[in-house]
Amino acid sequence: MLPANIEVNIDRVAIKQYIEKRLDEEVREVFFLIDLKKMSELLCMSERYITDELLHDPRVRICEVRRNRKRWWKYKPLIQAIEEIVSEW
């Protein structure tokens, strides 16, 4: 029997990107509250666009939590509300 030569090429950048993507997906499930900056990052929309188009909707305002001048939104109900709003566009 002939000895087998096995060569494995590893793309470290692709593996790192895959791991970061999976971690991001797992962390997203753990969120309870998010702020406008994180919302902008998750939705791939600018903070101004979110403020103008989404935050004035009553379905989103229900999810809002305020303390002094800081605002947060409950993650799971917010995502459901945004899905409803976007499906109406």
C-alpha atoms as a PDB file:
ATOM      1  CA  MET A   1       0.000   0.000   0.000  1.00  0.00           C
ATOM      2  CA  LEU A   2       1.311   3.449  -0.914  1.00  0.00           C
ATOM      3  CA  PRO A   3       1.663   6.079   1.814  1.00  0.00           C
ATOM      4  CA  ALA A   4      -0.838   8.893   1.410  1.00  0.00           C
ATOM      5  CA  ASN A   5       0.245  12.496   1.317  1.00  0.00           C
ATOM      6  CA  ILE A   6      -2.429  14.787   2.750  1.00  0.00           C
ATOM      7  CA  GLU A   7      -2.045  18.508   2.487  1.00  0.00           C
ATOM      8  CA  VAL A   8      -4.530  20.838   4.182  1.00  0.00           C
ATOM      9  CA  ASN A   9      -4.673  24.507   3.288  1.00  0.00           C
ATOM     10  CA  ILE A  10      -6.213  26.618   6.033  1.00  0.00           C
ATOM     11  CA  ASP A  11      -7.550  30.059   5.307  1.00  0.00           C
ATOM     12  CA  ARG A  12      -7.086  31.664   8.722  1.00  0.00           C
ATOM     13  CA  VAL A  13      -8.902  34.860   7.750  1.00  0.00           C
ATOM     14  CA  ALA A  14     -12.000  32.968   6.609  1.00  0.00           C
ATOM     15  CA  ILE A  15     -12.006  30.855   9.773  1.00  0.00           C
ATOM     16  CA  LYS A  16     -11.667  33.963  11.949  1.00  0.00           C
ATOM     17  CA  GLN A  17     -14.543  35.675  10.110  1.00  0.00           C
ATOM     18  CA  TYR A  18     -16.719  32.578  10.486  1.00  0.00           C
ATOM     19  CA  ILE A  19     -16.028  32.347  14.226  1.00  0.00           C
ATOM     20  CA  GLU A  20     -16.747  36.063  14.726  1.00  0.00           C
ATOM     21  CA  LYS A  21     -20.007  35.734  12.781  1.00  0.00           C
ATOM     22  CA  ARG A  22     -21.139  32.758  14.863  1.00  0.00           C
ATOM     23  CA  LEU A  23     -20.218  34.529  18.118  1.00  0.00           C
ATOM     24  CA  ASP A  24     -22.149  37.602  17.014  1.00  0.00           C
ATOM     25  CA  GLU A  25     -25.214  35.463  16.286  1.00  0.00           C
ATOM     26  CA  GLU A  26     -24.988  33.823  19.706  1.00  0.00           C
ATOM     27  CA  VAL A  27     -24.501  37.123  21.521  1.00  0.00           C
ATOM     28  CA  ARG A  28     -27.464  38.624  19.694  1.00  0.00           C
ATOM     29  CA  GLU A  29     -29.713  36.009  21.290  1.00  0.00           C
ATOM     30  CA  VAL A  30     -28.569  37.151  24.742  1.00  0.00           C
ATOM     31  CA  PHE A  31     -29.395  40.855  24.316  1.00  0.00           C
ATOM     32  CA  PHE A  32     -32.063  42.226  26.605  1.00  0.00           C
ATOM     33  CA  LEU A  33     -31.735  45.966  25.937  1.00  0.00           C
ATOM     34  CA  ILE A  34     -30.033  47.747  23.055  1.00  0.00           C
ATOM     35  CA  ASP A  35     -29.314  51.394  22.399  1.00  0.00           C
ATOM     36  CA  LEU A  36     -29.570  53.376  19.185  1.00  0.00           C
ATOM     37  CA  LYS A  37     -25.917  52.770  18.293  1.00  0.00           C
ATOM     38  CA  LYS A  38     -26.261  48.973  18.559  1.00  0.00           C
ATOM     39  CA  MET A  39     -29.598  49.107  16.740  1.00  0.00           C
ATOM     40  CA  SER A  40     -27.904  50.986  13.906  1.00  0.00           C
ATOM     41  CA  GLU A  41     -25.175  48.355  13.746  1.00  0.00           C
ATOM     42  CA  LEU A  42     -27.592  45.416  13.743  1.00  0.00           C
ATOM     43  CA  LEU A  43     -29.977  46.916  11.181  1.00  0.00           C
ATOM     44  CA  CYS A  44     -27.273  48.332   8.892  1.00  0.00           C
ATOM     45  CA  MET A  45     -29.095  51.665   8.927  1.00  0.00           C
ATOM     46  CA  SER A  46     -27.896  55.064  10.055  1.00  0.00           C
ATOM     47  CA  GLU A  47     -28.960  56.329  13.454  1.00  0.00           C
ATOM     48  CA  ARG A  48     -30.690  59.282  11.821  1.00  0.00           C
ATOM     49  CA  TYR A  49     -32.679  57.061   9.443  1.00  0.00           C
ATOM     50  CA  ILE A  50     -33.781  54.835  12.330  1.00  0.00           C
ATOM     51  CA  THR A  51     -34.813  57.883  14.329  1.00  0.00           C
ATOM     52  CA  ASP A  52     -36.767  59.385  11.430  1.00  0.00           C
ATOM     53  CA  GLU A  53     -38.387  56.217  10.102  1.00  0.00           C
ATOM     54  CA  LEU A  54     -38.777  53.747  12.970  1.00  0.00           C
ATOM     55  CA  LEU A  55     -38.614  55.282  16.430  1.00  0.00           C
ATOM     56  CA  HIS A  56     -41.780  57.343  16.046  1.00  0.00           C
ATOM     57  CA  ASP A  57     -43.888  54.262  15.332  1.00  0.00           C
ATOM     58  CA  PRO A  58     -46.097  53.285  18.320  1.00  0.00           C
ATOM     59  CA  ARG A  59     -45.033  49.641  18.025  1.00  0.00           C
ATOM     60  CA  VAL A  60     -41.423  50.665  18.614  1.00  0.00           C
ATOM     61  CA  ARG A  61     -42.241  53.234  21.302  1.00  0.00           C
ATOM     62  CA  ILE A  62     -43.822  50.476  23.399  1.00  0.00           C
ATOM     63  CA  CYS A  63     -40.399  48.778  23.569  1.00  0.00           C
ATOM     64  CA  GLU A  64     -38.616  51.928  24.740  1.00  0.00           C
ATOM     65  CA  VAL A  65     -37.136  52.265  28.229  1.00  0.00           C
ATOM     66  CA  ARG A  66     -35.898  55.667  29.424  1.00  0.00           C
ATOM     67  CA  ARG A  67     -33.743  56.821  32.281  1.00  0.00           C
ATOM     68  CA  ASN A  68     -32.826  60.491  32.393  1.00  0.00           C
ATOM     69  CA  ARG A  69     -31.823  61.282  28.807  1.00  0.00           C
ATOM     70  CA  LYS A  70     -30.677  57.775  27.890  1.00  0.00           C
ATOM     71  CA  ARG A  71     -32.948  55.493  25.828  1.00  0.00           C
ATOM     72  CA  TRP A  72     -32.853  51.733  25.356  1.00  0.00           C
ATOM     73  CA  TRP A  73     -35.205  49.313  23.648  1.00  0.00           C
ATOM     74  CA  LYS A  74     -36.214  45.789  24.631  1.00  0.00           C
ATOM     75  CA  TYR A  75     -34.513  43.659  22.012  1.00  0.00           C
ATOM     76  CA  LYS A  76     -36.949  40.849  21.182  1.00  0.00           C
ATOM     77  CA  PRO A  77     -40.159  42.930  20.985  1.00  0.00           C
ATOM     78  CA  LEU A  78     -38.258  45.618  19.073  1.00  0.00           C
ATOM     79  CA  ILE A  79     -37.103  43.167  16.410  1.00  0.00           C
ATOM     80  CA  GLN A  80     -40.661  41.867  15.990  1.00  0.00           C
ATOM     81  CA  ALA A  81     -41.993  45.429  15.664  1.00  0.00           C
ATOM     82  CA  ILE A  82     -39.336  46.347  13.113  1.00  0.00           C
ATOM     83  CA  GLU A  83     -40.100  43.213  11.089  1.00  0.00           C
ATOM     84  CA  GLU A  84     -43.763  44.265  10.966  1.00  0.00           C
ATOM     85  CA  ILE A  85     -42.890  47.829   9.944  1.00  0.00           C
ATOM     86  CA  VAL A  86     -40.429  46.764   7.258  1.00  0.00           C
ATOM     87  CA  SER A  87     -42.870  44.235   5.811  1.00  0.00           C
ATOM     88  CA  GLU A  88     -45.330  47.106   5.261  1.00  0.00           C
ATOM     89  CA  TRP A  89     -42.854  49.119   3.169  1.00  0.00           C
END
